[in-house]
Amino acid sequence: MNKLQTTTRDIARELARKYSTMTHEELDTLESILVPRKYAKGEIILAEGEVCKEIGYIEKGLIRQFYYKNDKELTEHIGSDGEIFMCIESLFREEKTHLQVEALEPTTVYALPKLRLEQVALHNVNIQILYRKILEESLIISQIHADLVRFESAQNRYLRLCKTNPQVVLRAPLVYVASYLQMTPETLSRVRASSLMA
């Protein structure tokens, strides 16, 4: 499919394929709430202090979620094509987020506004299932990352990321990959060099 001709219908189908089977009517409903947005490289998608009101589906591009601690930028998540992102605490508590989301490449996002999604989920079982599965996936991704940095060596963290999300390793600046894996850029360089030699 020519990426220039991707439509909200294509994205609705992609989401249905990934998360839940849907009738034509449900696909129509899902399509009706999708909001396409384009971001330039370096553009902030969600700023600290804003309230996250939607779930983002990355059609094409690369994003990172990060925050500041002791004047240092720490990367919490890096997402690429076909992945979901949100600031889950801000989304559900409707409170200002401490996180920021930035486009690392020119990025096309299809947003699912939480309010609309919840309204249509009330009347569509398969959209309810899609919503639940998206939230489950988000929580599992967070847990996997937490376990990775808690229990794995620097070498294993890097190798696991190469296996589970090679696009991030290939496309994201190394300083952000290092931060995401909770290591210094120097450590990451050493780990990468030894992985290549292995």
N, C-alpha and C. Protein backbone atom coordinates (compact mmCIF):
# COMPACT_ATOMS: atom_id res chain seq x y z
N MET A 1 0.85 -1.20 0.00
CA MET A 1 0.00 0.00 0.00
C MET A 1 0.88 1.25 0.00
N ASN A 2 0.59 2.16 -0.89
CA ASN A 2 1.33 3.41 -0.93
C ASN A 2 1.03 4.21 0.34
N LYS A 3 2.10 4.50 1.08
CA LYS A 3 1.92 5.17 2.38
C LYS A 3 1.26 6.54 2.24
N LEU A 4 1.41 7.16 1.07
CA LEU A 4 0.82 8.49 0.87
C LEU A 4 -0.71 8.39 0.85
N GLN A 5 -1.21 7.18 0.54
CA GLN A 5 -2.66 7.03 0.40
C GLN A 5 -3.29 6.33 1.61
N THR A 6 -2.54 6.21 2.69
CA THR A 6 -3.12 5.60 3.89
C THR A 6 -4.28 6.47 4.37
N THR A 7 -5.40 5.83 4.65
CA THR A 7 -6.58 6.57 5.09
C THR A 7 -6.94 6.16 6.52
N THR A 8 -7.86 6.91 7.12
CA THR A 8 -8.32 6.54 8.46
C THR A 8 -8.96 5.15 8.42
N ARG A 9 -9.54 4.77 7.27
CA ARG A 9 -10.14 3.43 7.14
C ARG A 9 -9.06 2.36 7.25
N ASP A 10 -7.92 2.60 6.57
CA ASP A 10 -6.81 1.64 6.65
C ASP A 10 -6.33 1.47 8.09
N ILE A 11 -6.25 2.58 8.80
CA ILE A 11 -5.78 2.53 10.19
C ILE A 11 -6.80 1.82 11.07
N ALA A 12 -8.08 2.09 10.85
CA ALA A 12 -9.14 1.40 11.61
C ALA A 12 -9.03 -0.10 11.38
N ARG A 13 -8.79 -0.51 10.13
CA ARG A 13 -8.64 -1.94 9.81
C ARG A 13 -7.40 -2.52 10.51
N GLU A 14 -6.31 -1.76 10.48
CA GLU A 14 -5.05 -2.21 11.10
C GLU A 14 -5.25 -2.43 12.61
N LEU A 15 -5.92 -1.48 13.25
CA LEU A 15 -6.19 -1.59 14.69
C LEU A 15 -7.11 -2.78 14.98
N ALA A 16 -8.12 -2.97 14.14
CA ALA A 16 -9.04 -4.10 14.31
C ALA A 16 -8.29 -5.42 14.15
N ARG A 17 -7.41 -5.48 13.16
CA ARG A 17 -6.62 -6.70 12.91
C ARG A 17 -5.75 -7.03 14.12
N LYS A 18 -5.19 -6.00 14.69
CA LYS A 18 -4.24 -6.18 15.79
C LYS A 18 -4.93 -6.49 17.13
N TYR A 19 -6.07 -5.88 17.37
CA TYR A 19 -6.66 -5.93 18.71
C TYR A 19 -8.03 -6.60 18.83
N SER A 20 -8.82 -6.61 17.76
CA SER A 20 -10.19 -7.12 17.91
C SER A 20 -10.85 -7.26 16.54
N THR A 21 -11.65 -8.32 16.34
CA THR A 21 -12.39 -8.42 15.08
C THR A 21 -13.56 -7.43 15.13
N MET A 22 -13.94 -6.90 13.98
CA MET A 22 -15.01 -5.89 13.96
C MET A 22 -15.95 -6.05 12.78
N THR A 23 -17.19 -5.69 13.00
CA THR A 23 -18.17 -5.61 11.91
C THR A 23 -17.89 -4.35 11.09
N HIS A 24 -18.52 -4.24 9.93
CA HIS A 24 -18.36 -3.02 9.11
C HIS A 24 -18.83 -1.80 9.89
N GLU A 25 -19.91 -1.95 10.63
CA GLU A 25 -20.45 -0.81 11.40
C GLU A 25 -19.45 -0.37 12.48
N GLU A 26 -18.83 -1.35 13.13
CA GLU A 26 -17.85 -1.01 14.17
C GLU A 26 -16.61 -0.36 13.56
N LEU A 27 -16.21 -0.85 12.40
CA LEU A 27 -15.09 -0.21 11.69
C LEU A 27 -15.43 1.23 11.35
N ASP A 28 -16.66 1.46 10.88
CA ASP A 28 -17.13 2.83 10.58
C ASP A 28 -17.01 3.71 11.82
N THR A 29 -17.46 3.16 12.95
CA THR A 29 -17.44 3.91 14.22
C THR A 29 -16.02 4.23 14.63
N LEU A 30 -15.15 3.20 14.56
CA LEU A 30 -13.75 3.41 14.95
C LEU A 30 -13.10 4.45 14.04
N GLU A 31 -13.35 4.32 12.74
CA GLU A 31 -12.79 5.27 11.77
C GLU A 31 -13.25 6.70 12.09
N SER A 32 -14.50 6.85 12.51
CA SER A 32 -15.06 8.19 12.75
C SER A 32 -14.40 8.93 13.91
N ILE A 33 -13.75 8.17 14.83
CA ILE A 33 -13.13 8.87 15.98
C ILE A 33 -11.62 9.07 15.82
N LEU A 34 -11.02 8.46 14.78
CA LEU A 34 -9.57 8.60 14.58
C LEU A 34 -9.22 10.01 14.09
N VAL A 35 -8.18 10.58 14.68
CA VAL A 35 -7.75 11.94 14.29
C VAL A 35 -6.30 11.87 13.79
N PRO A 36 -6.10 12.07 12.45
CA PRO A 36 -4.72 12.02 11.93
C PRO A 36 -3.95 13.30 12.27
N ARG A 37 -2.69 13.13 12.66
CA ARG A 37 -1.84 14.29 12.97
C ARG A 37 -0.44 14.04 12.44
N LYS A 38 0.20 15.09 11.95
CA LYS A 38 1.58 14.97 11.49
C LYS A 38 2.49 15.85 12.34
N TYR A 39 3.65 15.31 12.68
CA TYR A 39 4.61 16.04 13.50
C TYR A 39 5.97 16.07 12.80
N ALA A 40 6.63 17.21 12.89
CA ALA A 40 7.98 17.34 12.33
C ALA A 40 8.99 16.74 13.31
N LYS A 41 10.14 16.39 12.81
CA LYS A 41 11.22 15.89 13.67
C LYS A 41 11.52 16.94 14.75
N GLY A 42 11.57 16.51 16.00
CA GLY A 42 11.88 17.42 17.11
C GLY A 42 10.66 18.10 17.70
N GLU A 43 9.50 17.92 17.07
CA GLU A 43 8.29 18.58 17.57
C GLU A 43 7.76 17.86 18.82
N ILE A 44 7.32 18.66 19.79
CA ILE A 44 6.76 18.08 21.02
C ILE A 44 5.29 17.73 20.78
N ILE A 45 4.94 16.47 20.99
CA ILE A 45 3.58 15.98 20.79
C ILE A 45 2.75 16.24 22.04
N LEU A 46 3.37 16.05 23.19
CA LEU A 46 2.72 16.33 24.48
C LEU A 46 3.77 16.93 25.39
N ALA A 47 3.46 18.09 25.96
CA ALA A 47 4.43 18.78 26.81
C ALA A 47 4.16 18.50 28.29
N GLU A 48 5.20 18.62 29.09
CA GLU A 48 5.05 18.49 30.54
C GLU A 48 4.03 19.52 31.02
N GLY A 49 3.14 19.11 31.92
CA GLY A 49 2.14 20.05 32.43
C GLY A 49 0.83 20.00 31.67
N GLU A 50 0.81 19.31 30.51
CA GLU A 50 -0.45 19.13 29.78
C GLU A 50 -1.13 17.86 30.28
N VAL A 51 -2.42 17.75 29.99
CA VAL A 51 -3.16 16.53 30.34
C VAL A 51 -3.24 15.67 29.08
N CYS A 52 -2.86 14.40 29.21
CA CYS A 52 -2.95 13.46 28.09
C CYS A 52 -4.42 13.07 27.93
N LYS A 53 -4.98 13.33 26.74
CA LYS A 53 -6.42 13.07 26.53
C LYS A 53 -6.67 12.03 25.46
N GLU A 54 -5.59 11.43 24.93
CA GLU A 54 -5.79 10.47 23.85
C GLU A 54 -4.69 9.42 23.81
N ILE A 55 -5.02 8.35 23.12
CA ILE A 55 -4.06 7.27 22.85
C ILE A 55 -3.55 7.51 21.43
N GLY A 56 -2.26 7.44 21.25
CA GLY A 56 -1.68 7.66 19.91
C GLY A 56 -1.26 6.35 19.27
N TYR A 57 -1.59 6.20 17.98
CA TYR A 57 -1.12 5.05 17.20
C TYR A 57 -0.15 5.59 16.15
N ILE A 58 1.09 5.12 16.17
CA ILE A 58 2.10 5.62 15.24
C ILE A 58 1.94 4.89 13.91
N GLU A 59 1.47 5.61 12.90
CA GLU A 59 1.36 5.00 11.58
C GLU A 59 2.76 4.87 10.98
N LYS A 60 3.52 5.96 11.08
CA LYS A 60 4.90 5.94 10.59
C LYS A 60 5.69 6.98 11.36
N GLY A 61 6.87 6.59 11.81
CA GLY A 61 7.71 7.54 12.53
C GLY A 61 8.29 6.94 13.80
N LEU A 62 8.78 7.83 14.65
CA LEU A 62 9.47 7.41 15.87
C LEU A 62 9.22 8.47 16.94
N ILE A 63 8.82 8.02 18.12
CA ILE A 63 8.59 8.97 19.22
C ILE A 63 9.36 8.51 20.47
N ARG A 64 9.58 9.46 21.36
CA ARG A 64 10.11 9.06 22.68
C ARG A 64 9.34 9.79 23.76
N GLN A 65 9.15 9.09 24.88
CA GLN A 65 8.57 9.69 26.08
C GLN A 65 9.71 9.89 27.05
N PHE A 66 9.80 11.09 27.62
CA PHE A 66 10.92 11.36 28.53
C PHE A 66 10.48 12.31 29.63
N TYR A 67 11.32 12.42 30.64
CA TYR A 67 11.06 13.35 31.74
C TYR A 67 12.39 13.86 32.27
N TYR A 68 12.31 14.90 33.08
CA TYR A 68 13.52 15.48 33.68
C TYR A 68 13.62 15.09 35.14
N LYS A 69 14.82 14.67 35.54
CA LYS A 69 15.09 14.37 36.95
C LYS A 69 16.47 14.92 37.27
N ASN A 70 16.54 15.78 38.27
CA ASN A 70 17.81 16.44 38.63
C ASN A 70 18.48 17.05 37.39
N ASP A 71 17.68 17.76 36.61
CA ASP A 71 18.16 18.44 35.39
C ASP A 71 18.69 17.48 34.32
N LYS A 72 18.40 16.21 34.46
CA LYS A 72 18.80 15.24 33.43
C LYS A 72 17.57 14.73 32.71
N GLU A 73 17.72 14.55 31.39
CA GLU A 73 16.62 14.00 30.59
C GLU A 73 16.69 12.48 30.64
N LEU A 74 15.59 11.85 31.04
CA LEU A 74 15.55 10.38 31.09
C LEU A 74 14.46 9.86 30.15
N THR A 75 14.84 8.96 29.27
CA THR A 75 13.90 8.40 28.29
C THR A 75 13.20 7.19 28.88
N GLU A 76 11.88 7.24 28.88
CA GLU A 76 11.09 6.16 29.47
C GLU A 76 10.57 5.18 28.42
N HIS A 77 10.34 5.67 27.21
CA HIS A 77 9.77 4.81 26.17
C HIS A 77 10.15 5.36 24.80
N ILE A 78 10.42 4.45 23.87
CA ILE A 78 10.64 4.83 22.47
C ILE A 78 9.71 3.96 21.64
N GLY A 79 8.89 4.58 20.80
CA GLY A 79 7.93 3.83 19.99
C GLY A 79 8.13 4.10 18.51
N SER A 80 7.86 3.06 17.71
CA SER A 80 8.02 3.21 16.25
C SER A 80 6.76 2.72 15.53
N ASP A 81 6.84 2.62 14.21
CA ASP A 81 5.70 2.29 13.34
C ASP A 81 4.83 1.16 13.91
N GLY A 82 3.53 1.39 13.92
CA GLY A 82 2.59 0.35 14.31
C GLY A 82 2.44 0.18 15.82
N GLU A 83 3.00 1.13 16.59
CA GLU A 83 2.91 1.02 18.05
C GLU A 83 2.01 2.10 18.64
N ILE A 84 1.55 1.79 19.84
CA ILE A 84 0.66 2.66 20.60
C ILE A 84 1.48 3.42 21.65
N PHE A 85 1.08 4.65 21.96
CA PHE A 85 1.71 5.34 23.09
C PHE A 85 0.68 6.21 23.80
N MET A 86 0.91 6.43 25.08
CA MET A 86 0.06 7.32 25.88
C MET A 86 0.78 7.59 27.20
N CYS A 87 0.37 8.63 27.90
CA CYS A 87 0.83 8.85 29.27
C CYS A 87 -0.30 8.36 30.16
N ILE A 88 -0.23 7.11 30.55
CA ILE A 88 -1.38 6.39 31.09
C ILE A 88 -1.93 7.00 32.39
N GLU A 89 -1.03 7.46 33.26
CA GLU A 89 -1.50 8.04 34.52
C GLU A 89 -2.27 9.33 34.28
N SER A 90 -1.72 10.18 33.42
CA SER A 90 -2.37 11.45 33.08
C SER A 90 -3.70 11.19 32.37
N LEU A 91 -3.72 10.18 31.49
CA LEU A 91 -4.92 9.85 30.72
C LEU A 91 -6.08 9.47 31.64
N PHE A 92 -5.80 8.64 32.64
CA PHE A 92 -6.89 8.13 33.48
C PHE A 92 -7.20 9.01 34.68
N ARG A 93 -6.20 9.69 35.21
CA ARG A 93 -6.47 10.58 36.34
C ARG A 93 -6.86 11.97 35.90
N GLU A 94 -6.69 12.22 34.60
CA GLU A 94 -6.97 13.55 34.03
C GLU A 94 -6.19 14.63 34.77
N GLU A 95 -4.94 14.30 35.05
CA GLU A 95 -4.03 15.23 35.73
C GLU A 95 -2.88 15.58 34.78
N LYS A 96 -2.20 16.67 35.11
CA LYS A 96 -1.07 17.10 34.30
C LYS A 96 0.04 16.04 34.34
N THR A 97 0.67 15.85 33.18
CA THR A 97 1.72 14.84 33.10
C THR A 97 3.10 15.43 33.39
N HIS A 98 3.97 14.57 33.93
CA HIS A 98 5.38 14.95 34.12
C HIS A 98 6.19 14.55 32.89
N LEU A 99 5.57 13.73 32.04
CA LEU A 99 6.26 13.22 30.85
C LEU A 99 6.13 14.19 29.68
N GLN A 100 7.02 14.04 28.72
CA GLN A 100 6.89 14.75 27.46
C GLN A 100 7.00 13.71 26.35
N VAL A 101 6.34 13.97 25.24
CA VAL A 101 6.44 13.09 24.08
C VAL A 101 6.96 13.93 22.92
N GLU A 102 8.02 13.42 22.28
CA GLU A 102 8.68 14.15 21.19
C GLU A 102 8.78 13.25 19.96
N ALA A 103 8.58 13.83 18.79
CA ALA A 103 8.80 13.10 17.53
C ALA A 103 10.29 13.10 17.21
N LEU A 104 10.88 11.92 17.05
CA LEU A 104 12.32 11.82 16.73
C LEU A 104 12.55 11.81 15.22
N GLU A 105 11.49 11.63 14.47
CA GLU A 105 11.49 11.66 13.00
C GLU A 105 10.20 12.35 12.59
N PRO A 106 10.06 12.72 11.31
CA PRO A 106 8.73 13.15 10.86
C PRO A 106 7.77 11.98 11.15
N THR A 107 6.71 12.25 11.87
CA THR A 107 5.86 11.17 12.40
C THR A 107 4.38 11.44 12.12
N THR A 108 3.68 10.40 11.66
CA THR A 108 2.23 10.46 11.49
C THR A 108 1.58 9.64 12.58
N VAL A 109 0.71 10.29 13.35
CA VAL A 109 0.02 9.64 14.46
C VAL A 109 -1.48 9.70 14.20
N TYR A 110 -2.17 8.61 14.50
CA TYR A 110 -3.64 8.61 14.50
C TYR A 110 -4.07 8.56 15.95
N ALA A 111 -4.72 9.62 16.40
CA ALA A 111 -5.12 9.72 17.80
C ALA A 111 -6.50 9.12 18.03
N LEU A 112 -6.62 8.43 19.17
CA LEU A 112 -7.92 7.93 19.64
C LEU A 112 -8.27 8.73 20.89
N PRO A 113 -9.11 9.78 20.77
CA PRO A 113 -9.46 10.57 21.96
C PRO A 113 -10.19 9.68 22.98
N LYS A 114 -9.71 9.71 24.22
CA LYS A 114 -10.23 8.81 25.25
C LYS A 114 -11.74 8.98 25.46
N LEU A 115 -12.20 10.20 25.50
CA LEU A 115 -13.62 10.47 25.74
C LEU A 115 -14.50 9.83 24.67
N ARG A 116 -14.13 10.04 23.40
CA ARG A 116 -14.89 9.47 22.29
C ARG A 116 -14.80 7.95 22.28
N LEU A 117 -13.59 7.44 22.56
CA LEU A 117 -13.39 6.00 22.57
C LEU A 117 -14.28 5.34 23.63
N GLU A 118 -14.36 5.97 24.80
CA GLU A 118 -15.19 5.41 25.88
C GLU A 118 -16.67 5.50 25.53
N GLN A 119 -17.06 6.59 24.86
CA GLN A 119 -18.48 6.74 24.46
C GLN A 119 -18.88 5.64 23.48
N VAL A 120 -18.04 5.40 22.46
CA VAL A 120 -18.42 4.39 21.46
C VAL A 120 -18.25 2.97 22.00
N ALA A 121 -17.34 2.79 22.96
CA ALA A 121 -17.14 1.46 23.55
C ALA A 121 -18.38 0.99 24.33
N LEU A 122 -19.15 1.95 24.83
CA LEU A 122 -20.37 1.60 25.57
C LEU A 122 -21.36 0.81 24.72
N HIS A 123 -21.35 1.07 23.41
CA HIS A 123 -22.34 0.47 22.51
C HIS A 123 -21.74 -0.56 21.55
N ASN A 124 -20.42 -0.76 21.62
CA ASN A 124 -19.75 -1.68 20.68
C ASN A 124 -18.80 -2.59 21.44
N VAL A 125 -19.20 -3.85 21.58
CA VAL A 125 -18.40 -4.80 22.36
C VAL A 125 -16.98 -4.94 21.81
N ASN A 126 -16.85 -5.01 20.49
CA ASN A 126 -15.52 -5.21 19.91
C ASN A 126 -14.62 -3.99 20.08
N ILE A 127 -15.21 -2.81 20.16
CA ILE A 127 -14.41 -1.60 20.44
C ILE A 127 -14.01 -1.60 21.92
N GLN A 128 -14.88 -2.12 22.78
CA GLN A 128 -14.51 -2.32 24.20
C GLN A 128 -13.30 -3.23 24.30
N ILE A 129 -13.33 -4.33 23.54
CA ILE A 129 -12.22 -5.30 23.57
C ILE A 129 -10.94 -4.64 23.06
N LEU A 130 -11.06 -3.88 21.97
CA LEU A 130 -9.90 -3.16 21.42
C LEU A 130 -9.30 -2.23 22.47
N TYR A 131 -10.15 -1.47 23.15
CA TYR A 131 -9.71 -0.52 24.18
C TYR A 131 -8.98 -1.27 25.30
N ARG A 132 -9.58 -2.38 25.75
CA ARG A 132 -8.96 -3.14 26.84
C ARG A 132 -7.61 -3.72 26.42
N LYS A 133 -7.56 -4.24 25.19
CA LYS A 133 -6.31 -4.87 24.73
C LYS A 133 -5.19 -3.84 24.54
N ILE A 134 -5.55 -2.64 24.11
CA ILE A 134 -4.56 -1.56 23.98
C ILE A 134 -3.99 -1.23 25.37
N LEU A 135 -4.86 -1.13 26.37
CA LEU A 135 -4.40 -0.82 27.73
C LEU A 135 -3.56 -1.96 28.29
N GLU A 136 -3.99 -3.19 28.04
CA GLU A 136 -3.20 -4.36 28.49
C GLU A 136 -1.81 -4.32 27.88
N GLU A 137 -1.75 -4.07 26.57
CA GLU A 137 -0.46 -4.04 25.87
C GLU A 137 0.45 -2.96 26.46
N SER A 138 -0.13 -1.80 26.73
CA SER A 138 0.65 -0.69 27.30
C SER A 138 1.24 -1.07 28.67
N LEU A 139 0.42 -1.70 29.51
CA LEU A 139 0.88 -2.11 30.84
C LEU A 139 1.95 -3.20 30.75
N ILE A 140 1.77 -4.14 29.83
CA ILE A 140 2.75 -5.22 29.66
C ILE A 140 4.09 -4.65 29.19
N ILE A 141 4.05 -3.71 28.22
CA ILE A 141 5.28 -3.08 27.73
C ILE A 141 6.02 -2.39 28.87
N SER A 142 5.27 -1.66 29.72
CA SER A 142 5.88 -0.98 30.88
C SER A 142 6.52 -1.98 31.83
N GLN A 143 5.81 -3.08 32.08
CA GLN A 143 6.32 -4.11 33.01
C GLN A 143 7.58 -4.78 32.45
N ILE A 144 7.57 -5.08 31.16
CA ILE A 144 8.73 -5.72 30.52
C ILE A 144 9.95 -4.80 30.63
N HIS A 145 9.73 -3.51 30.39
CA HIS A 145 10.84 -2.55 30.48
C HIS A 145 11.35 -2.44 31.92
N ALA A 146 10.42 -2.38 32.88
CA ALA A 146 10.81 -2.29 34.30
C ALA A 146 11.63 -3.52 34.70
N ASP A 147 11.19 -4.71 34.28
CA ASP A 147 11.92 -5.94 34.61
C ASP A 147 13.28 -5.98 33.93
N LEU A 148 13.32 -5.48 32.71
CA LEU A 148 14.57 -5.47 31.94
C LEU A 148 15.64 -4.67 32.67
N VAL A 149 15.30 -3.46 33.11
CA VAL A 149 16.32 -2.62 33.75
C VAL A 149 16.61 -3.07 35.18
N ARG A 150 15.66 -3.76 35.79
CA ARG A 150 15.87 -4.26 37.16
C ARG A 150 16.74 -5.50 37.21
N PHE A 151 16.48 -6.44 36.27
CA PHE A 151 17.07 -7.77 36.41
C PHE A 151 18.16 -8.14 35.41
N GLU A 152 18.22 -7.45 34.27
CA GLU A 152 19.15 -7.87 33.22
C GLU A 152 20.45 -7.06 33.24
N SER A 153 21.54 -7.69 32.80
CA SER A 153 22.82 -6.99 32.66
C SER A 153 22.71 -6.00 31.50
N ALA A 154 23.65 -5.07 31.44
CA ALA A 154 23.65 -4.07 30.35
C ALA A 154 23.67 -4.78 28.99
N GLN A 155 24.51 -5.80 28.86
CA GLN A 155 24.63 -6.55 27.59
C GLN A 155 23.27 -7.17 27.22
N ASN A 156 22.63 -7.83 28.19
CA ASN A 156 21.35 -8.48 27.91
C ASN A 156 20.23 -7.49 27.61
N ARG A 157 20.28 -6.33 28.28
CA ARG A 157 19.28 -5.29 27.99
C ARG A 157 19.35 -4.88 26.53
N TYR A 158 20.59 -4.65 26.07
CA TYR A 158 20.80 -4.21 24.69
C TYR A 158 20.37 -5.31 23.70
N LEU A 159 20.80 -6.54 23.97
CA LEU A 159 20.47 -7.66 23.08
C LEU A 159 18.96 -7.89 23.01
N ARG A 160 18.30 -7.77 24.17
CA ARG A 160 16.84 -7.96 24.22
C ARG A 160 16.15 -6.89 23.37
N LEU A 161 16.61 -5.63 23.48
CA LEU A 161 16.01 -4.55 22.69
C LEU A 161 16.24 -4.79 21.20
N CYS A 162 17.44 -5.26 20.84
CA CYS A 162 17.73 -5.56 19.42
C CYS A 162 16.75 -6.60 18.88
N LYS A 163 16.40 -7.55 19.74
CA LYS A 163 15.51 -8.65 19.33
C LYS A 163 14.05 -8.20 19.29
N THR A 164 13.61 -7.48 20.34
CA THR A 164 12.19 -7.14 20.45
C THR A 164 11.82 -5.90 19.64
N ASN A 165 12.76 -4.96 19.51
CA ASN A 165 12.43 -3.72 18.80
C ASN A 165 13.63 -3.21 18.00
N PRO A 166 14.03 -3.96 16.96
CA PRO A 166 15.22 -3.56 16.20
C PRO A 166 15.12 -2.17 15.58
N GLN A 167 13.88 -1.73 15.23
CA GLN A 167 13.71 -0.41 14.62
C GLN A 167 14.22 0.71 15.53
N VAL A 168 13.96 0.55 16.82
CA VAL A 168 14.40 1.56 17.79
C VAL A 168 15.92 1.63 17.81
N VAL A 169 16.58 0.47 17.83
CA VAL A 169 18.05 0.43 17.86
C VAL A 169 18.63 1.04 16.59
N LEU A 170 17.99 0.77 15.45
CA LEU A 170 18.50 1.27 14.16
C LEU A 170 18.26 2.76 13.97
N ARG A 171 17.12 3.26 14.47
CA ARG A 171 16.69 4.61 14.11
C ARG A 171 16.83 5.67 15.19
N ALA A 172 16.76 5.28 16.45
CA ALA A 172 16.80 6.29 17.52
C ALA A 172 18.25 6.71 17.82
N PRO A 173 18.46 8.00 18.12
CA PRO A 173 19.81 8.43 18.53
C PRO A 173 20.30 7.61 19.74
N LEU A 174 21.58 7.24 19.70
CA LEU A 174 22.13 6.34 20.73
C LEU A 174 21.99 6.90 22.14
N VAL A 175 22.06 8.22 22.26
CA VAL A 175 21.95 8.82 23.60
C VAL A 175 20.59 8.49 24.22
N TYR A 176 19.54 8.42 23.39
CA TYR A 176 18.19 8.09 23.90
C TYR A 176 18.05 6.59 24.16
N VAL A 177 18.66 5.78 23.30
CA VAL A 177 18.64 4.32 23.51
C VAL A 177 19.33 4.00 24.83
N ALA A 178 20.49 4.65 25.06
CA ALA A 178 21.24 4.43 26.31
C ALA A 178 20.38 4.81 27.51
N SER A 179 19.73 5.97 27.43
CA SER A 179 18.90 6.44 28.54
C SER A 179 17.73 5.48 28.79
N TYR A 180 17.11 5.00 27.71
CA TYR A 180 16.00 4.06 27.81
C TYR A 180 16.44 2.76 28.49
N LEU A 181 17.66 2.34 28.19
CA LEU A 181 18.20 1.10 28.77
C LEU A 181 18.88 1.35 30.12
N GLN A 182 18.81 2.60 30.60
CA GLN A 182 19.40 3.01 31.88
C GLN A 182 20.89 2.68 31.95
N MET A 183 21.61 3.17 30.93
CA MET A 183 23.07 3.07 30.95
C MET A 183 23.64 4.34 30.30
N THR A 184 24.92 4.57 30.50
CA THR A 184 25.54 5.75 29.89
C THR A 184 25.79 5.46 28.41
N PRO A 185 25.92 6.51 27.60
CA PRO A 185 26.26 6.27 26.18
C PRO A 185 27.57 5.50 26.02
N GLU A 186 28.52 5.73 26.95
CA GLU A 186 29.81 5.04 26.90
C GLU A 186 29.62 3.53 27.10
N THR A 187 28.78 3.18 28.10
CA THR A 187 28.49 1.76 28.36
C THR A 187 27.82 1.14 27.14
N LEU A 188 26.86 1.87 26.56
CA LEU A 188 26.16 1.35 25.39
C LEU A 188 27.14 1.11 24.25
N SER A 189 28.08 2.04 24.03
CA SER A 189 29.09 1.87 22.97
C SER A 189 29.90 0.61 23.19
N ARG A 190 30.30 0.39 24.46
CA ARG A 190 31.10 -0.82 24.79
C ARG A 190 30.27 -2.09 24.55
N VAL A 191 29.02 -2.06 25.00
CA VAL A 191 28.12 -3.21 24.86
C VAL A 191 27.91 -3.53 23.37
N ARG A 192 27.69 -2.49 22.58
CA ARG A 192 27.47 -2.69 21.14
C ARG A 192 28.72 -3.27 20.48
N ALA A 193 29.88 -2.74 20.86
CA ALA A 193 31.14 -3.22 20.27
C ALA A 193 31.36 -4.69 20.60
N SER A 194 31.10 -5.08 21.85
CA SER A 194 31.31 -6.48 22.24
C SER A 194 30.26 -7.38 21.60
N SER A 195 29.04 -6.86 21.35
CA SER A 195 27.99 -7.65 20.70
C SER A 195 28.38 -7.95 19.25
N LEU A 196 28.99 -6.96 18.61
CA LEU A 196 29.40 -7.13 17.21
C LEU A 196 30.52 -8.16 17.09
N MET A 197 31.37 -8.20 18.12
CA MET A 197 32.51 -9.12 18.09
C MET A 197 32.09 -10.55 18.45
N ALA A 198 30.98 -10.65 19.20
CA ALA A 198 30.56 -11.98 19.68
C ALA A 198 30.11 -12.88 18.53
